[in-house]
Amino acid sequence: ILKIRCEEEDVDIAEDALVVLTRIGMQTSLRYAIQLITTASLVCRRRKGVEVSKEDVRKVYQLFMDEARSTLFLKEYQDEFMFNEVSPSEAPVQPTGDAMDTAT
């Protein structure tokens, strides 16, 4: 799927970079890995490269967080955000409704 998406977006990607993207997709989500293709392509273009490398993928992985890492960051630094009204002893409220499960 990732290889097809690279072809559709006209992104030349190194085989080792595709392996890293595949691992990221398995650990996070396919949607997140697909979004990294575009940003890694932009990083590659900025450095005047012709093929997305493993380093390009690693760089965008560090710049853009997936849902799980973003949640951990917010929980870790919640007391430092403006308008923080949740006390540390309160449990977070779970959303109701038909939320789609994006965890893999």
PDB file of N, CA and C in Angstrom:
ATOM      1  N   ILE A   1       0.832  -1.190   0.000  1.00  0.00           N
ATOM      2  CA  ILE A   1       0.000   0.000   0.000  1.00  0.00           C
ATOM      3  C   ILE A   1       0.873   1.249   0.000  1.00  0.00           C
ATOM      4  N   LEU A   2       1.918   1.246   0.820  1.00  0.00           N
ATOM      5  CA  LEU A   2       2.806   2.414   0.877  1.00  0.00           C
ATOM      6  C   LEU A   2       3.534   2.629  -0.443  1.00  0.00           C
ATOM      7  N   LYS A   3       3.948   1.543  -1.067  1.00  0.00           N
ATOM      8  CA  LYS A   3       4.637   1.651  -2.356  1.00  0.00           C
ATOM      9  C   LYS A   3       3.695   2.225  -3.415  1.00  0.00           C
ATOM     10  N   ILE A   4       2.451   1.780  -3.422  1.00  0.00           N
ATOM     11  CA  ILE A   4       1.457   2.304  -4.365  1.00  0.00           C
ATOM     12  C   ILE A   4       1.226   3.787  -4.116  1.00  0.00           C
ATOM     13  N   ARG A   5       1.140   4.175  -2.858  1.00  0.00           N
ATOM     14  CA  ARG A   5       0.933   5.591  -2.523  1.00  0.00           C
ATOM     15  C   ARG A   5       2.113   6.437  -2.985  1.00  0.00           C
ATOM     16  N   CYS A   6       3.319   5.919  -2.841  1.00  0.00           N
ATOM     17  CA  CYS A   6       4.506   6.637  -3.328  1.00  0.00           C
ATOM     18  C   CYS A   6       4.434   6.827  -4.839  1.00  0.00           C
ATOM     19  N   GLU A   7       4.003   5.804  -5.546  1.00  0.00           N
ATOM     20  CA  GLU A   7       3.865   5.900  -7.000  1.00  0.00           C
ATOM     21  C   GLU A   7       2.805   6.930  -7.374  1.00  0.00           C
ATOM     22  N   GLU A   8       1.694   6.942  -6.653  1.00  0.00           N
ATOM     23  CA  GLU A   8       0.610   7.886  -6.936  1.00  0.00           C
ATOM     24  C   GLU A   8       1.034   9.327  -6.685  1.00  0.00           C
ATOM     25  N   GLU A   9       1.901   9.539  -5.718  1.00  0.00           N
ATOM     26  CA  GLU A   9       2.367  10.884  -5.392  1.00  0.00           C
ATOM     27  C   GLU A   9       3.676  11.228  -6.105  1.00  0.00           C
ATOM     28  N   ASP A  10       4.113  10.371  -7.016  1.00  0.00           N
ATOM     29  CA  ASP A  10       5.367  10.580  -7.755  1.00  0.00           C
ATOM     30  C   ASP A  10       6.550  10.804  -6.826  1.00  0.00           C
ATOM     31  N   VAL A  11       6.650   9.968  -5.809  1.00  0.00           N
ATOM     32  CA  VAL A  11       7.741  10.044  -4.835  1.00  0.00           C
ATOM     33  C   VAL A  11       8.664   8.859  -5.058  1.00  0.00           C
ATOM     34  N   ASP A  12       9.923   9.154  -5.344  1.00  0.00           N
ATOM     35  CA  ASP A  12      10.942   8.108  -5.421  1.00  0.00           C
ATOM     36  C   ASP A  12      11.456   7.881  -4.007  1.00  0.00           C
ATOM     37  N   ILE A  13      11.382   6.643  -3.557  1.00  0.00           N
ATOM     38  CA  ILE A  13      11.766   6.342  -2.179  1.00  0.00           C
ATOM     39  C   ILE A  13      12.736   5.166  -2.162  1.00  0.00           C
ATOM     40  N   ALA A  14      13.744   5.282  -1.319  1.00  0.00           N
ATOM     41  CA  ALA A  14      14.728   4.207  -1.173  1.00  0.00           C
ATOM     42  C   ALA A  14      14.069   3.014  -0.476  1.00  0.00           C
ATOM     43  N   GLU A  15      14.574   1.832  -0.767  1.00  0.00           N
ATOM     44  CA  GLU A  15      13.995   0.612  -0.200  1.00  0.00           C
ATOM     45  C   GLU A  15      14.085   0.599   1.321  1.00  0.00           C
ATOM     46  N   ASP A  16      15.217   1.059   1.882  1.00  0.00           N
ATOM     47  CA  ASP A  16      15.343   1.082   3.344  1.00  0.00           C
ATOM     48  C   ASP A  16      14.402   2.098   3.982  1.00  0.00           C
ATOM     49  N   ALA A  17      14.114   3.201   3.277  1.00  0.00           N
ATOM     50  CA  ALA A  17      13.146   4.181   3.778  1.00  0.00           C
ATOM     51  C   ALA A  17      11.742   3.592   3.772  1.00  0.00           C
ATOM     52  N   LEU A  18      11.438   2.781   2.764  1.00  0.00           N
ATOM     53  CA  LEU A  18      10.138   2.120   2.692  1.00  0.00           C
ATOM     54  C   LEU A  18       9.978   1.105   3.830  1.00  0.00           C
ATOM     55  N   VAL A  19      11.073   0.450   4.190  1.00  0.00           N
ATOM     56  CA  VAL A  19      11.046  -0.489   5.319  1.00  0.00           C
ATOM     57  C   VAL A  19      10.749   0.262   6.620  1.00  0.00           C
ATOM     58  N   VAL A  20      11.383   1.406   6.799  1.00  0.00           N
ATOM     59  CA  VAL A  20      11.146   2.214   8.000  1.00  0.00           C
ATOM     60  C   VAL A  20       9.694   2.688   8.036  1.00  0.00           C
ATOM     61  N   LEU A  21       9.179   3.153   6.904  1.00  0.00           N
ATOM     62  CA  LEU A  21       7.779   3.584   6.836  1.00  0.00           C
ATOM     63  C   LEU A  21       6.823   2.429   7.146  1.00  0.00           C
ATOM     64  N   THR A  22       7.140   1.252   6.663  1.00  0.00           N
ATOM     65  CA  THR A  22       6.309   0.087   6.929  1.00  0.00           C
ATOM     66  C   THR A  22       6.290  -0.225   8.421  1.00  0.00           C
ATOM     67  N   ARG A  23       7.438  -0.161   9.051  1.00  0.00           N
ATOM     68  CA  ARG A  23       7.516  -0.406  10.497  1.00  0.00           C
ATOM     69  C   ARG A  23       6.723   0.651  11.258  1.00  0.00           C
ATOM     70  N   ILE A  24       6.840   1.908  10.845  1.00  0.00           N
ATOM     71  CA  ILE A  24       6.079   2.981  11.486  1.00  0.00           C
ATOM     72  C   ILE A  24       4.579   2.732  11.321  1.00  0.00           C
ATOM     73  N   GLY A  25       4.167   2.338  10.128  1.00  0.00           N
ATOM     74  CA  GLY A  25       2.757   2.052   9.877  1.00  0.00           C
ATOM     75  C   GLY A  25       2.230   0.910  10.714  1.00  0.00           C
ATOM     76  N   MET A  26       3.060  -0.085  10.952  1.00  0.00           N
ATOM     77  CA  MET A  26       2.638  -1.224  11.773  1.00  0.00           C
ATOM     78  C   MET A  26       2.536  -0.837  13.248  1.00  0.00           C
ATOM     79  N   GLN A  27       3.418   0.057  13.703  1.00  0.00           N
ATOM     80  CA  GLN A  27       3.420   0.442  15.111  1.00  0.00           C
ATOM     81  C   GLN A  27       2.418   1.546  15.422  1.00  0.00           C
ATOM     82  N   THR A  28       2.092   2.374  14.444  1.00  0.00           N
ATOM     83  CA  THR A  28       1.165   3.487  14.682  1.00  0.00           C
ATOM     84  C   THR A  28      -0.108   3.252  13.879  1.00  0.00           C
ATOM     85  N   SER A  29      -0.145   3.809  12.678  1.00  0.00           N
ATOM     86  CA  SER A  29      -1.293   3.586  11.796  1.00  0.00           C
ATOM     87  C   SER A  29      -0.842   3.787  10.355  1.00  0.00           C
ATOM     88  N   LEU A  30      -1.566   3.175   9.455  1.00  0.00           N
ATOM     89  CA  LEU A  30      -1.266   3.316   8.035  1.00  0.00           C
ATOM     90  C   LEU A  30      -1.464   4.758   7.584  1.00  0.00           C
ATOM     91  N   ARG A  31      -2.480   5.403   8.108  1.00  0.00           N
ATOM     92  CA  ARG A  31      -2.747   6.805   7.753  1.00  0.00           C
ATOM     93  C   ARG A  31      -1.565   7.696   8.105  1.00  0.00           C
ATOM     94  N   TYR A  32      -1.011   7.509   9.289  1.00  0.00           N
ATOM     95  CA  TYR A  32       0.137   8.300   9.722  1.00  0.00           C
ATOM     96  C   TYR A  32       1.336   8.043   8.815  1.00  0.00           C
ATOM     97  N   ALA A  33       1.587   6.799   8.470  1.00  0.00           N
ATOM     98  CA  ALA A  33       2.716   6.466   7.594  1.00  0.00           C
ATOM     99  C   ALA A  33       2.532   7.089   6.213  1.00  0.00           C
ATOM    100  N   ILE A  34       1.310   7.080   5.706  1.00  0.00           N
ATOM    101  CA  ILE A  34       1.039   7.694   4.401  1.00  0.00           C
ATOM    102  C   ILE A  34       1.271   9.199   4.460  1.00  0.00           C
ATOM    103  N   GLN A  35       0.883   9.837   5.547  1.00  0.00           N
ATOM    104  CA  GLN A  35       1.115  11.275   5.687  1.00  0.00           C
ATOM    105  C   GLN A  35       2.605  11.601   5.746  1.00  0.00           C
ATOM    106  N   LEU A  36       3.394  10.686   6.286  1.00  0.00           N
ATOM    107  CA  LEU A  36       4.837  10.917   6.347  1.00  0.00           C
ATOM    108  C   LEU A  36       5.492  10.874   4.965  1.00  0.00           C
ATOM    109  N   ILE A  37       4.870  10.176   4.018  1.00  0.00           N
ATOM    110  CA  ILE A  37       5.423  10.109   2.662  1.00  0.00           C
ATOM    111  C   ILE A  37       5.536  11.507   2.071  1.00  0.00           C
ATOM    112  N   THR A  38       4.455  12.268   2.166  1.00  0.00           N
ATOM    113  CA  THR A  38       4.438  13.621   1.604  1.00  0.00           C
ATOM    114  C   THR A  38       5.446  14.526   2.284  1.00  0.00           C
ATOM    115  N   THR A  39       5.478  14.489   3.617  1.00  0.00           N
ATOM    116  CA  THR A  39       6.404  15.369   4.328  1.00  0.00           C
ATOM    117  C   THR A  39       7.853  14.953   4.114  1.00  0.00           C
ATOM    118  N   ALA A  40       8.114  13.658   4.040  1.00  0.00           N
ATOM    119  CA  ALA A  40       9.481  13.203   3.762  1.00  0.00           C
ATOM    120  C   ALA A  40       9.905  13.617   2.356  1.00  0.00           C
ATOM    121  N   SER A  41       8.964  13.615   1.427  1.00  0.00           N
ATOM    122  CA  SER A  41       9.256  14.061   0.075  1.00  0.00           C
ATOM    123  C   SER A  41       9.628  15.543   0.061  1.00  0.00           C
ATOM    124  N   LEU A  42       8.939  16.338   0.860  1.00  0.00           N
ATOM    125  CA  LEU A  42       9.268  17.765   0.950  1.00  0.00           C
ATOM    126  C   LEU A  42      10.640  17.989   1.565  1.00  0.00           C
ATOM    127  N   VAL A  43      10.983  17.207   2.580  1.00  0.00           N
ATOM    128  CA  VAL A  43      12.314  17.306   3.191  1.00  0.00           C
ATOM    129  C   VAL A  43      13.385  16.920   2.179  1.00  0.00           C
ATOM    130  N   CYS A  44      13.117  15.874   1.405  1.00  0.00           N
ATOM    131  CA  CYS A  44      14.049  15.435   0.366  1.00  0.00           C
ATOM    132  C   CYS A  44      14.249  16.533  -0.671  1.00  0.00           C
ATOM    133  N   ARG A  45      13.163  17.129  -1.106  1.00  0.00           N
ATOM    134  CA  ARG A  45      13.237  18.198  -2.106  1.00  0.00           C
ATOM    135  C   ARG A  45      14.002  19.401  -1.571  1.00  0.00           C
ATOM    136  N   ARG A  46      13.799  19.701  -0.285  1.00  0.00           N
ATOM    137  CA  ARG A  46      14.477  20.852   0.321  1.00  0.00           C
ATOM    138  C   ARG A  46      15.997  20.652   0.355  1.00  0.00           C
ATOM    139  N   ARG A  47      16.428  19.403   0.572  1.00  0.00           N
ATOM    140  CA  ARG A  47      17.875  19.142   0.582  1.00  0.00           C
ATOM    141  C   ARG A  47      18.401  18.856  -0.823  1.00  0.00           C
ATOM    142  N   LYS A  48      17.517  19.057  -1.814  1.00  0.00           N
ATOM    143  CA  LYS A  48      17.839  18.869  -3.237  1.00  0.00           C
ATOM    144  C   LYS A  48      18.185  17.420  -3.559  1.00  0.00           C
ATOM    145  N   GLY A  49      17.516  16.485  -2.893  1.00  0.00           N
ATOM    146  CA  GLY A  49      17.696  15.068  -3.167  1.00  0.00           C
ATOM    147  C   GLY A  49      16.726  14.614  -4.249  1.00  0.00           C
ATOM    148  N   VAL A  50      16.979  13.443  -4.788  1.00  0.00           N
ATOM    149  CA  VAL A  50      16.108  12.896  -5.828  1.00  0.00           C
ATOM    150  C   VAL A  50      15.313  11.705  -5.321  1.00  0.00           C
ATOM    151  N   GLU A  51      15.736  11.132  -4.187  1.00  0.00           N
ATOM    152  CA  GLU A  51      15.075   9.958  -3.634  1.00  0.00           C
ATOM    153  C   GLU A  51      14.944  10.132  -2.128  1.00  0.00           C
ATOM    154  N   VAL A  52      13.750   9.850  -1.592  1.00  0.00           N
ATOM    155  CA  VAL A  52      13.517   9.944  -0.153  1.00  0.00           C
ATOM    156  C   VAL A  52      14.369   8.886   0.548  1.00  0.00           C
ATOM    157  N   SER A  53      15.156   9.329   1.501  1.00  0.00           N
ATOM    158  CA  SER A  53      16.047   8.420   2.221  1.00  0.00           C
ATOM    159  C   SER A  53      15.478   8.074   3.594  1.00  0.00           C
ATOM    160  N   LYS A  54      16.118   7.128   4.228  1.00  0.00           N
ATOM    161  CA  LYS A  54      15.735   6.727   5.576  1.00  0.00           C
ATOM    162  C   LYS A  54      15.866   7.902   6.543  1.00  0.00           C
ATOM    163  N   GLU A  55      16.874   8.728   6.346  1.00  0.00           N
ATOM    164  CA  GLU A  55      17.081   9.891   7.204  1.00  0.00           C
ATOM    165  C   GLU A  55      15.946  10.903   7.043  1.00  0.00           C
ATOM    166  N   ASP A  56      15.425  11.054   5.823  1.00  0.00           N
ATOM    167  CA  ASP A  56      14.292  11.952   5.600  1.00  0.00           C
ATOM    168  C   ASP A  56      13.075  11.470   6.387  1.00  0.00           C
ATOM    169  N   VAL A  57      12.823  10.182   6.351  1.00  0.00           N
ATOM    170  CA  VAL A  57      11.686   9.599   7.073  1.00  0.00           C
ATOM    171  C   VAL A  57      11.886   9.775   8.572  1.00  0.00           C
ATOM    172  N   ARG A  58      13.078   9.547   9.061  1.00  0.00           N
ATOM    173  CA  ARG A  58      13.348   9.706  10.493  1.00  0.00           C
ATOM    174  C   ARG A  58      13.158  11.154  10.934  1.00  0.00           C
ATOM    175  N   LYS A  59      13.572  12.080  10.084  1.00  0.00           N
ATOM    176  CA  LYS A  59      13.436  13.492  10.428  1.00  0.00           C
ATOM    177  C   LYS A  59      11.969  13.883  10.574  1.00  0.00           C
ATOM    178  N   VAL A  60      11.136  13.485   9.629  1.00  0.00           N
ATOM    179  CA  VAL A  60       9.719  13.856   9.721  1.00  0.00           C
ATOM    180  C   VAL A  60       9.020  13.085  10.837  1.00  0.00           C
ATOM    181  N   TYR A  61       9.485  11.884  11.148  1.00  0.00           N
ATOM    182  CA  TYR A  61       8.928  11.132  12.277  1.00  0.00           C
ATOM    183  C   TYR A  61       9.173  11.887  13.577  1.00  0.00           C
ATOM    184  N   GLN A  62      10.323  12.531  13.693  1.00  0.00           N
ATOM    185  CA  GLN A  62      10.625  13.312  14.889  1.00  0.00           C
ATOM    186  C   GLN A  62       9.841  14.620  14.924  1.00  0.00           C
ATOM    187  N   LEU A  63       9.567  15.186  13.753  1.00  0.00           N
ATOM    188  CA  LEU A  63       8.865  16.468  13.695  1.00  0.00           C
ATOM    189  C   LEU A  63       7.363  16.342  13.913  1.00  0.00           C
ATOM    190  N   PHE A  64       6.756  15.292  13.393  1.00  0.00           N
ATOM    191  CA  PHE A  64       5.308  15.135  13.435  1.00  0.00           C
ATOM    192  C   PHE A  64       4.949  13.907  14.264  1.00  0.00           C
ATOM    193  N   MET A  65       4.181  14.123  15.331  1.00  0.00           N
ATOM    194  CA  MET A  65       3.835  13.039  16.242  1.00  0.00           C
ATOM    195  C   MET A  65       2.592  12.293  15.783  1.00  0.00           C
ATOM    196  N   ASP A  66       2.584  11.015  16.052  1.00  0.00           N
ATOM    197  CA  ASP A  66       1.378  10.223  15.829  1.00  0.00           C
ATOM    198  C   ASP A  66       0.469  10.414  17.041  1.00  0.00           C
ATOM    199  N   GLU A  67      -0.709   9.835  16.994  1.00  0.00           N
ATOM    200  CA  GLU A  67      -1.703  10.027  18.049  1.00  0.00           C
ATOM    201  C   GLU A  67      -1.206   9.593  19.422  1.00  0.00           C
ATOM    202  N   ALA A  68      -0.557   8.459  19.508  1.00  0.00           N
ATOM    203  CA  ALA A  68      -0.105   7.941  20.807  1.00  0.00           C
ATOM    204  C   ALA A  68       0.979   8.826  21.413  1.00  0.00           C
ATOM    205  N   ARG A  69       1.964   9.217  20.619  1.00  0.00           N
ATOM    206  CA  ARG A  69       3.036  10.072  21.146  1.00  0.00           C
ATOM    207  C   ARG A  69       2.508  11.454  21.497  1.00  0.00           C
ATOM    208  N   SER A  70       1.559  11.955  20.719  1.00  0.00           N
ATOM    209  CA  SER A  70       0.952  13.250  21.008  1.00  0.00           C
ATOM    210  C   SER A  70       0.185  13.213  22.321  1.00  0.00           C
ATOM    211  N   THR A  71      -0.543  12.147  22.558  1.00  0.00           N
ATOM    212  CA  THR A  71      -1.289  11.985  23.799  1.00  0.00           C
ATOM    213  C   THR A  71      -0.348  11.930  24.997  1.00  0.00           C
ATOM    214  N   LEU A  72       0.738  11.171  24.867  1.00  0.00           N
ATOM    215  CA  LEU A  72       1.721  11.101  25.960  1.00  0.00           C
ATOM    216  C   LEU A  72       2.321  12.470  26.255  1.00  0.00           C
ATOM    217  N   PHE A  73       2.625  13.228  25.202  1.00  0.00           N
ATOM    218  CA  PHE A  73       3.190  14.569  25.371  1.00  0.00           C
ATOM    219  C   PHE A  73       2.207  15.465  26.111  1.00  0.00           C
ATOM    220  N   LEU A  74       0.945  15.432  25.705  1.00  0.00           N
ATOM    221  CA  LEU A  74      -0.060  16.272  26.347  1.00  0.00           C
ATOM    222  C   LEU A  74      -0.268  15.902  27.811  1.00  0.00           C
ATOM    223  N   LYS A  75      -0.269  14.615  28.111  1.00  0.00           N
ATOM    224  CA  LYS A  75      -0.419  14.182  29.496  1.00  0.00           C
ATOM    225  C   LYS A  75       0.785  14.608  30.336  1.00  0.00           C
ATOM    226  N   GLU A  76       1.971  14.507  29.750  1.00  0.00           N
ATOM    227  CA  GLU A  76       3.186  14.842  30.483  1.00  0.00           C
ATOM    228  C   GLU A  76       3.258  16.334  30.808  1.00  0.00           C
ATOM    229  N   TYR A  77       2.817  17.184  29.877  1.00  0.00           N
ATOM    230  CA  TYR A  77       2.947  18.627  30.048  1.00  0.00           C
ATOM    231  C   TYR A  77       1.611  19.331  30.274  1.00  0.00           C
ATOM    232  N   GLN A  78       0.568  18.616  30.699  1.00  0.00           N
ATOM    233  CA  GLN A  78      -0.747  19.222  30.828  1.00  0.00           C
ATOM    234  C   GLN A  78      -0.791  20.353  31.845  1.00  0.00           C
ATOM    235  N   ASP A  79       0.009  20.291  32.875  1.00  0.00           N
ATOM    236  CA  ASP A  79      -0.001  21.344  33.891  1.00  0.00           C
ATOM    237  C   ASP A  79       0.606  22.643  33.387  1.00  0.00           C
ATOM    238  N   GLU A  80       1.375  22.593  32.322  1.00  0.00           N
ATOM    239  CA  GLU A  80       2.029  23.782  31.803  1.00  0.00           C
ATOM    240  C   GLU A  80       1.205  24.504  30.730  1.00  0.00           C
ATOM    241  N   PHE A  81       0.087  23.902  30.311  1.00  0.00           N
ATOM    242  CA  PHE A  81      -0.738  24.538  29.294  1.00  0.00           C
ATOM    243  C   PHE A  81      -1.672  25.561  29.928  1.00  0.00           C
ATOM    244  N   MET A  82      -2.001  26.575  29.146  1.00  0.00           N
ATOM    245  CA  MET A  82      -2.938  27.594  29.597  1.00  0.00           C
ATOM    246  C   MET A  82      -4.304  26.981  29.822  1.00  0.00           C
ATOM    247  N   PHE A  83      -5.016  27.525  30.767  1.00  0.00           N
ATOM    248  CA  PHE A  83      -6.390  27.127  31.050  1.00  0.00           C
ATOM    249  C   PHE A  83      -6.512  25.671  31.441  1.00  0.00           C
ATOM    250  N   ASN A  84      -5.499  25.167  32.109  1.00  0.00           N
ATOM    251  CA  ASN A  84      -5.553  23.789  32.586  1.00  0.00           C
ATOM    252  C   ASN A  84      -6.445  23.759  33.820  1.00  0.00           C
ATOM    253  N   GLU A  85      -7.612  23.145  33.691  1.00  0.00           N
ATOM    254  CA  GLU A  85      -8.556  23.083  34.789  1.00  0.00           C
ATOM    255  C   GLU A  85      -8.719  21.669  35.330  1.00  0.00           C
ATOM    256  N   VAL A  86      -7.981  20.724  34.801  1.00  0.00           N
ATOM    257  CA  VAL A  86      -8.077  19.341  35.236  1.00  0.00           C
ATOM    258  C   VAL A  86      -7.030  19.106  36.306  1.00  0.00           C
ATOM    259  N   SER A  87      -7.499  18.646  37.452  1.00  0.00           N
ATOM    260  CA  SER A  87      -6.539  18.343  38.501  1.00  0.00           C
ATOM    261  C   SER A  87      -5.893  16.999  38.196  1.00  0.00           C
ATOM    262  N   PRO A  88      -4.660  16.783  38.646  1.00  0.00           N
ATOM    263  CA  PRO A  88      -3.979  15.514  38.344  1.00  0.00           C
ATOM    264  C   PRO A  88      -4.714  14.291  38.853  1.00  0.00           C
ATOM    265  N   SER A  89      -5.551  14.447  39.892  1.00  0.00           N
ATOM    266  CA  SER A  89      -6.259  13.290  40.444  1.00  0.00           C
ATOM    267  C   SER A  89      -7.489  12.903  39.629  1.00  0.00           C
ATOM    268  N   GLU A  90      -7.973  13.833  38.774  1.00  0.00           N
ATOM    269  CA  GLU A  90      -9.155  13.530  37.968  1.00  0.00           C
ATOM    270  C   GLU A  90      -8.780  12.658  36.782  1.00  0.00           C
ATOM    271  N   ALA A  91      -9.626  11.698  36.500  1.00  0.00           N
ATOM    272  CA  ALA A  91      -9.414  10.842  35.330  1.00  0.00           C
ATOM    273  C   ALA A  91      -9.942  11.576  34.104  1.00  0.00           C
ATOM    274  N   PRO A  92      -9.289  11.409  32.959  1.00  0.00           N
ATOM    275  CA  PRO A  92      -9.780  12.065  31.749  1.00  0.00           C
ATOM    276  C   PRO A  92     -11.146  11.501  31.355  1.00  0.00           C
ATOM    277  N   VAL A  93     -11.995  12.371  30.847  1.00  0.00           N
ATOM    278  CA  VAL A  93     -13.333  11.967  30.420  1.00  0.00           C
ATOM    279  C   VAL A  93     -13.231  11.274  29.078  1.00  0.00           C
ATOM    280  N   GLN A  94     -13.848  10.104  28.977  1.00  0.00           N
ATOM    281  CA  GLN A  94     -13.839   9.347  27.733  1.00  0.00           C
ATOM    282  C   GLN A  94     -14.941   9.879  26.830  1.00  0.00           C
ATOM    283  N   PRO A  95     -14.654  10.119  25.551  1.00  0.00           N
ATOM    284  CA  PRO A  95     -15.680  10.604  24.638  1.00  0.00           C
ATOM    285  C   PRO A  95     -16.748   9.538  24.420  1.00  0.00           C
ATOM    286  N   THR A  96     -17.960  10.008  24.182  1.00  0.00           N
ATOM    287  CA  THR A  96     -19.059   9.077  23.914  1.00  0.00           C
ATOM    288  C   THR A  96     -19.406   9.138  22.447  1.00  0.00           C
ATOM    289  N   GLY A  97     -20.140   8.168  21.969  1.00  0.00           N
ATOM    290  CA  GLY A  97     -20.539   8.160  20.569  1.00  0.00           C
ATOM    291  C   GLY A  97     -19.817   7.097  19.800  1.00  0.00           C
ATOM    292  N   ASP A  98     -19.860   7.219  18.509  1.00  0.00           N
ATOM    293  CA  ASP A  98     -19.262   6.238  17.622  1.00  0.00           C
ATOM    294  C   ASP A  98     -17.901   6.693  17.136  1.00  0.00           C
ATOM    295  N   ALA A  99     -16.971   6.801  18.036  1.00  0.00           N
ATOM    296  CA  ALA A  99     -15.611   7.182  17.666  1.00  0.00           C
ATOM    297  C   ALA A  99     -14.918   6.007  17.016  1.00  0.00           C
ATOM    298  N   MET A 100     -14.184   6.285  15.963  1.00  0.00           N
ATOM    299  CA  MET A 100     -13.479   5.228  15.243  1.00  0.00           C
ATOM    300  C   MET A 100     -12.193   4.892  15.990  1.00  0.00           C
ATOM    301  N   ASP A 101     -11.932   3.640  16.184  1.00  0.00           N
ATOM    302  CA  ASP A 101     -10.718   3.187  16.845  1.00  0.00           C
ATOM    303  C   ASP A 101      -9.591   3.198  15.831  1.00  0.00           C
ATOM    304  N   THR A 102      -8.567   4.056  16.088  1.00  0.00           N
ATOM    305  CA  THR A 102      -7.452   4.167  15.155  1.00  0.00           C
ATOM    306  C   THR A 102      -6.212   3.465  15.674  1.00  0.00           C
ATOM    307  N   ALA A 103      -6.305   2.857  16.831  1.00  0.00           N
ATOM    308  CA  ALA A 103      -5.140   2.169  17.381  1.00  0.00           C
ATOM    309  C   ALA A 103      -4.893   0.875  16.621  1.00  0.00           C
ATOM    310  N   THR A 104      -3.602   0.574  16.429  1.00  0.00           N
ATOM    311  CA  THR A 104      -3.250  -0.667  15.732  1.00  0.00           C
ATOM    312  C   THR A 104      -2.440  -1.545  16.637  1.00  0.00           C
TER     313      THR A 104
END
